């Protein structure tokens, strides 16, 4: 066993002194290098937008011009993944770097302490106390360096643990949403298509102007949604529910998603009206996933390539006609207006799920009874809002959290028409009550203060078709085919015209025209004007109860048995 006294033999002490000095110098150099690297990396994380890439901006610009370009979409997805991976790798480096800095500082402190000990003179027996040993200059520098290192580490640790800059959004930009048709009646649910519109001269009976016509395996009243080169819709019966993906270019069926068993699924409704059917709600898509809901409460998600992503059952809704409310989408959330039962049953709720994972983001109770309306998401001067309609309330929510913002009591009877938004006003209507034009900037019950104007001619009010409007005019369509145009300035009636045919599909604005599709499959195209002015008429050759989708100069229409496309080749 080594005699400890030999460790402090003058010769051994010199060796310890040299080793400790070298160790302290190396530790100091390493600590300084790590501190500099941490500072540079921290500046990058704090100041730079991880997705602010010129290459990404260039690809997005090209996509806005050619939204159907599959190659560009893949490039954007790959670049997005690389940039995000780089960002999170740098954040991980920051954490690991702080540990390395702490270790090198600790080594530096220990080494300098050893240097001080090695330089200390051993006491000699004497009659008087020895003078105090002079403090080593190296020790003083060590203390100062240690203090600076610890202070730097504390500052960096504080910066790193401070709330980091939020990562760039993973959801589509507003321009991408507007360039596609991701939900029922378009990206904001208001039924307004692109200014370019599509061809107005077509006839499905003769095939004139029809690009393609694809048979659909199962029936349904859901409207098509479209993103880039793909069109999605649903079909269903009491025994089977499916999601379809069809190529926008040539109408090929790309894949069929058949809904399988879902844990916890409740028994299906015993009866659903034929007018509603088993596939009435329209799905939503963000270009990566497509989500669909069915009247038995199945909520299912597929990737746009057809791979099942997730599925939950919301519980069988207590709905007299069958669940028909379409889904809405906000950022990374798919929104479900699940109205059912009576007003006092406590069954109705607003739900939000992460579209990529299916994780439930929130569930907010709604004190309303069953309805068939669909929620819409609008952008107002007061912020984004989710608008819902159900007897007797129009209720606005903060779409990210489900927090209620305001409500207006103006509806009666079974709710069918969804709201519309134009000219800064929310339009909510039902045949048993009125059309109310609401200013969406209040809080709480604003019934007495936010209705700008109202229209209550009973035979002009809809019970199924949703209103549509631009900044100048609002259009109402009854099931009996009465079409009415109102001034958005004051609700004054501008004109009315009886089409003489039953109408289920809500009217749509696109390319400067008003599209009205009758249940027999006749498409009326009218000028958006202060007088009734028909422009064109087309025949779909089959009954139709759904709303068209407009993407890339084409119009996609679901008839009773087919999906067809008209417009640009």
Foldseek 3Di string as FASTA:
>chain_A
DDDVVVCLDLVNLVVLLVVLVVQLVVLLVVLVVLLVVLVVLLCCQAPPALPPDPVLVVLVVVCLVAVQPPVSVVVNVVVVVVSVVVNVVSLVVNVVSLVSSVVSLVSNVVSLVSNQVSPDDDDDDDPDDDDDDDGDPSNVVSVVSSVVSVVSSVVSVVSSPPDTDDHDFPFDDPSQQLQWAFFALGQFNQQEHAQQAFDQDAAQVVGRQFQEKFFDDAFAFAAWTDGRQWIWFWHDALVWIWIWIAGNRRGHTQDIATDDDAPPQDREDPDADPVHHFGQAYWGDRQQKIWGATQSQKIWMAGSNGHTQDIHGPHHAAAPHTARAYWHDDRQKIKDFRAADALQPQPTWIWIARRRHRHTQDIGTDSHHDAHYYWGWDQAPQGIWIWFDGPFKTWIADVNRRHTFEIAGWDDDHAAAYWHDELQWIWDFALVTWTFTFRPDHGYYCNPPTGQEIGHPNVQTAHHAYWHDYNFWIWTAHQQQKIWIAGNVHRHTLDIDRPRAGAQEHWHHYNQWIWGAGQQAKTWTFGPDSYTGTDHIYGSRAGHNYRWTDHDNKIWGDGRTIIIIGGDD
